[in-house]
Amino acid sequence: MVDRDPETIRQDIDQARDQLALTVDSLAERANPRRIADDVKSGVVRFVKKPPVAISLAGIGALLVVLFVRKLRR
């Protein structure tokens, strides 16, 4: 086994600690509930803004309005 200089060992530990801190910070950011919710929200908005989806949703909305009005008239 090779004897290592205590200063070299200390530097290796400091470097490993810094890398671990960066990894933990990165994981904390990725697991942040607000960030996850914002990502899901932006994905849904992008999906809904697609023309076929927007037209389908408008059609469903119009159908629901017609059914509601018919039910009120009865």
N, C-alpha and C. Protein backbone atom coordinates (compact mmCIF):
# COMPACT_ATOMS: atom_id res chain seq x y z
N MET A 1 0.84 -1.17 0.00
CA MET A 1 0.00 0.00 0.00
C MET A 1 0.89 1.24 0.00
N VAL A 2 0.54 2.21 -0.79
CA VAL A 2 1.33 3.42 -0.91
C VAL A 2 0.89 4.41 0.17
N ASP A 3 1.88 4.95 0.87
CA ASP A 3 1.57 5.98 1.86
C ASP A 3 1.26 7.28 1.15
N ARG A 4 0.19 7.90 1.55
CA ARG A 4 -0.20 9.17 0.92
C ARG A 4 0.04 10.31 1.90
N ASP A 5 0.36 11.42 1.33
CA ASP A 5 0.60 12.63 2.10
C ASP A 5 -0.74 13.08 2.71
N PRO A 6 -0.76 13.46 3.98
CA PRO A 6 -2.00 13.93 4.61
C PRO A 6 -2.63 15.11 3.87
N GLU A 7 -1.81 15.98 3.33
CA GLU A 7 -2.34 17.14 2.59
C GLU A 7 -3.07 16.67 1.32
N THR A 8 -2.52 15.67 0.65
CA THR A 8 -3.17 15.13 -0.56
C THR A 8 -4.50 14.49 -0.20
N ILE A 9 -4.51 13.77 0.91
CA ILE A 9 -5.76 13.15 1.37
C ILE A 9 -6.79 14.23 1.69
N ARG A 10 -6.37 15.27 2.37
CA ARG A 10 -7.26 16.37 2.73
C ARG A 10 -7.85 17.02 1.46
N GLN A 11 -7.00 17.23 0.46
CA GLN A 11 -7.47 17.83 -0.79
C GLN A 11 -8.47 16.92 -1.50
N ASP A 12 -8.21 15.60 -1.48
CA ASP A 12 -9.14 14.66 -2.09
C ASP A 12 -10.49 14.68 -1.37
N ILE A 13 -10.45 14.75 -0.05
CA ILE A 13 -11.70 14.82 0.73
C ILE A 13 -12.45 16.10 0.43
N ASP A 14 -11.73 17.22 0.36
CA ASP A 14 -12.37 18.49 0.04
C ASP A 14 -13.02 18.46 -1.35
N GLN A 15 -12.32 17.88 -2.30
CA GLN A 15 -12.86 17.79 -3.66
C GLN A 15 -14.11 16.90 -3.68
N ALA A 16 -14.04 15.77 -2.98
CA ALA A 16 -15.20 14.86 -2.93
C ALA A 16 -16.38 15.55 -2.25
N ARG A 17 -16.12 16.32 -1.19
CA ARG A 17 -17.18 17.05 -0.49
C ARG A 17 -17.83 18.07 -1.41
N ASP A 18 -17.02 18.79 -2.17
CA ASP A 18 -17.56 19.78 -3.11
C ASP A 18 -18.41 19.12 -4.19
N GLN A 19 -17.95 17.99 -4.71
CA GLN A 19 -18.73 17.28 -5.73
C GLN A 19 -20.04 16.77 -5.15
N LEU A 20 -19.99 16.26 -3.93
CA LEU A 20 -21.20 15.78 -3.28
C LEU A 20 -22.19 16.92 -3.04
N ALA A 21 -21.69 18.07 -2.62
CA ALA A 21 -22.56 19.22 -2.41
C ALA A 21 -23.24 19.64 -3.71
N LEU A 22 -22.49 19.65 -4.80
CA LEU A 22 -23.10 19.99 -6.09
C LEU A 22 -24.16 18.98 -6.50
N THR A 23 -23.89 17.71 -6.26
CA THR A 23 -24.86 16.67 -6.60
C THR A 23 -26.12 16.80 -5.77
N VAL A 24 -25.98 17.04 -4.49
CA VAL A 24 -27.14 17.20 -3.61
C VAL A 24 -27.95 18.44 -4.02
N ASP A 25 -27.29 19.54 -4.33
CA ASP A 25 -27.98 20.74 -4.78
C ASP A 25 -28.74 20.48 -6.06
N SER A 26 -28.12 19.77 -6.98
CA SER A 26 -28.77 19.45 -8.25
C SER A 26 -30.00 18.58 -8.04
N LEU A 27 -29.88 17.58 -7.19
CA LEU A 27 -31.03 16.71 -6.90
C LEU A 27 -32.14 17.48 -6.20
N ALA A 28 -31.79 18.35 -5.29
CA ALA A 28 -32.80 19.15 -4.58
C ALA A 28 -33.54 20.04 -5.56
N GLU A 29 -32.84 20.62 -6.51
CA GLU A 29 -33.48 21.48 -7.51
C GLU A 29 -34.42 20.68 -8.40
N ARG A 30 -33.97 19.50 -8.82
CA ARG A 30 -34.79 18.67 -9.71
C ARG A 30 -36.01 18.12 -8.99
N ALA A 31 -35.94 17.94 -7.68
CA ALA A 31 -37.06 17.37 -6.92
C ALA A 31 -37.95 18.44 -6.30
N ASN A 32 -37.68 19.70 -6.58
CA ASN A 32 -38.47 20.79 -6.03
C ASN A 32 -39.90 20.70 -6.55
N PRO A 33 -40.89 20.58 -5.66
CA PRO A 33 -42.29 20.44 -6.11
C PRO A 33 -42.78 21.59 -6.98
N ARG A 34 -42.37 22.81 -6.67
CA ARG A 34 -42.81 23.96 -7.48
C ARG A 34 -42.26 23.85 -8.90
N ARG A 35 -41.00 23.44 -9.03
CA ARG A 35 -40.40 23.27 -10.35
C ARG A 35 -41.10 22.17 -11.13
N ILE A 36 -41.40 21.07 -10.47
CA ILE A 36 -42.10 19.96 -11.12
C ILE A 36 -43.48 20.42 -11.58
N ALA A 37 -44.20 21.13 -10.73
CA ALA A 37 -45.53 21.63 -11.09
C ALA A 37 -45.44 22.60 -12.27
N ASP A 38 -44.45 23.48 -12.26
CA ASP A 38 -44.28 24.42 -13.37
C ASP A 38 -43.97 23.69 -14.68
N ASP A 39 -43.15 22.64 -14.61
CA ASP A 39 -42.84 21.86 -15.81
C ASP A 39 -44.07 21.17 -16.36
N VAL A 40 -44.88 20.59 -15.46
CA VAL A 40 -46.11 19.91 -15.89
C VAL A 40 -47.08 20.93 -16.49
N LYS A 41 -47.21 22.07 -15.83
CA LYS A 41 -48.13 23.11 -16.31
C LYS A 41 -47.72 23.58 -17.70
N SER A 42 -46.44 23.85 -17.90
CA SER A 42 -46.00 24.33 -19.22
C SER A 42 -46.19 23.25 -20.28
N GLY A 43 -46.01 21.98 -19.90
CA GLY A 43 -46.25 20.89 -20.85
C GLY A 43 -47.71 20.80 -21.25
N VAL A 44 -48.60 20.96 -20.28
CA VAL A 44 -50.04 20.92 -20.57
C VAL A 44 -50.43 22.10 -21.45
N VAL A 45 -49.90 23.27 -21.15
CA VAL A 45 -50.23 24.46 -21.95
C VAL A 45 -49.75 24.28 -23.39
N ARG A 46 -48.54 23.75 -23.56
CA ARG A 46 -48.03 23.48 -24.92
C ARG A 46 -48.92 22.49 -25.65
N PHE A 47 -49.38 21.46 -24.94
CA PHE A 47 -50.24 20.44 -25.55
C PHE A 47 -51.59 21.04 -25.96
N VAL A 48 -52.18 21.83 -25.08
CA VAL A 48 -53.51 22.39 -25.34
C VAL A 48 -53.45 23.42 -26.47
N LYS A 49 -52.33 24.09 -26.64
CA LYS A 49 -52.22 25.11 -27.68
C LYS A 49 -52.05 24.53 -29.08
N LYS A 50 -51.87 23.21 -29.18
CA LYS A 50 -51.78 22.60 -30.51
C LYS A 50 -53.15 22.74 -31.17
N PRO A 51 -53.18 23.13 -32.44
CA PRO A 51 -54.47 23.38 -33.11
C PRO A 51 -55.48 22.23 -33.03
N PRO A 52 -55.11 20.98 -33.29
CA PRO A 52 -56.12 19.93 -33.20
C PRO A 52 -56.71 19.78 -31.79
N VAL A 53 -55.88 19.94 -30.79
CA VAL A 53 -56.37 19.82 -29.41
C VAL A 53 -57.26 21.00 -29.07
N ALA A 54 -56.87 22.20 -29.44
CA ALA A 54 -57.67 23.38 -29.15
C ALA A 54 -59.03 23.29 -29.83
N ILE A 55 -59.06 22.84 -31.06
CA ILE A 55 -60.33 22.70 -31.79
C ILE A 55 -61.20 21.65 -31.11
N SER A 56 -60.61 20.54 -30.71
CA SER A 56 -61.37 19.49 -30.04
C SER A 56 -61.95 19.99 -28.72
N LEU A 57 -61.15 20.71 -27.95
CA LEU A 57 -61.65 21.24 -26.68
C LEU A 57 -62.76 22.26 -26.90
N ALA A 58 -62.64 23.08 -27.94
CA ALA A 58 -63.69 24.04 -28.24
C ALA A 58 -64.97 23.31 -28.62
N GLY A 59 -64.86 22.24 -29.40
CA GLY A 59 -66.02 21.46 -29.78
C GLY A 59 -66.69 20.81 -28.58
N ILE A 60 -65.90 20.27 -27.69
CA ILE A 60 -66.45 19.65 -26.48
C ILE A 60 -67.14 20.71 -25.62
N GLY A 61 -66.52 21.88 -25.51
CA GLY A 61 -67.13 22.97 -24.75
C GLY A 61 -68.46 23.39 -25.34
N ALA A 62 -68.50 23.50 -26.66
CA ALA A 62 -69.75 23.89 -27.32
C ALA A 62 -70.82 22.82 -27.09
N LEU A 63 -70.45 21.56 -27.19
CA LEU A 63 -71.40 20.47 -26.96
C LEU A 63 -71.94 20.52 -25.53
N LEU A 64 -71.09 20.77 -24.57
CA LEU A 64 -71.53 20.87 -23.18
C LEU A 64 -72.50 22.03 -22.97
N VAL A 65 -72.23 23.16 -23.62
CA VAL A 65 -73.14 24.31 -23.53
C VAL A 65 -74.49 23.95 -24.11
N VAL A 66 -74.52 23.31 -25.27
CA VAL A 66 -75.79 22.92 -25.91
C VAL A 66 -76.56 21.96 -25.01
N LEU A 67 -75.87 20.98 -24.45
CA LEU A 67 -76.54 20.02 -23.57
C LEU A 67 -77.07 20.70 -22.31
N PHE A 68 -76.32 21.63 -21.76
CA PHE A 68 -76.77 22.36 -20.57
C PHE A 68 -78.00 23.20 -20.87
N VAL A 69 -78.01 23.89 -22.02
CA VAL A 69 -79.16 24.72 -22.40
C VAL A 69 -80.39 23.84 -22.62
N ARG A 70 -80.21 22.70 -23.27
CA ARG A 70 -81.33 21.78 -23.50
C ARG A 70 -81.90 21.29 -22.19
N LYS A 71 -81.03 21.00 -21.24
CA LYS A 71 -81.48 20.52 -19.94
C LYS A 71 -82.25 21.60 -19.20
N LEU A 72 -81.81 22.85 -19.32
CA LEU A 72 -82.52 23.96 -18.66
C LEU A 72 -83.89 24.17 -19.26
N ARG A 73 -84.06 23.94 -20.55
CA ARG A 73 -85.35 24.16 -21.22
C ARG A 73 -86.37 23.11 -20.82
N ARG A 74 -85.96 21.96 -20.39
CA ARG A 74 -86.91 20.90 -20.05
C ARG A 74 -87.54 21.08 -18.73
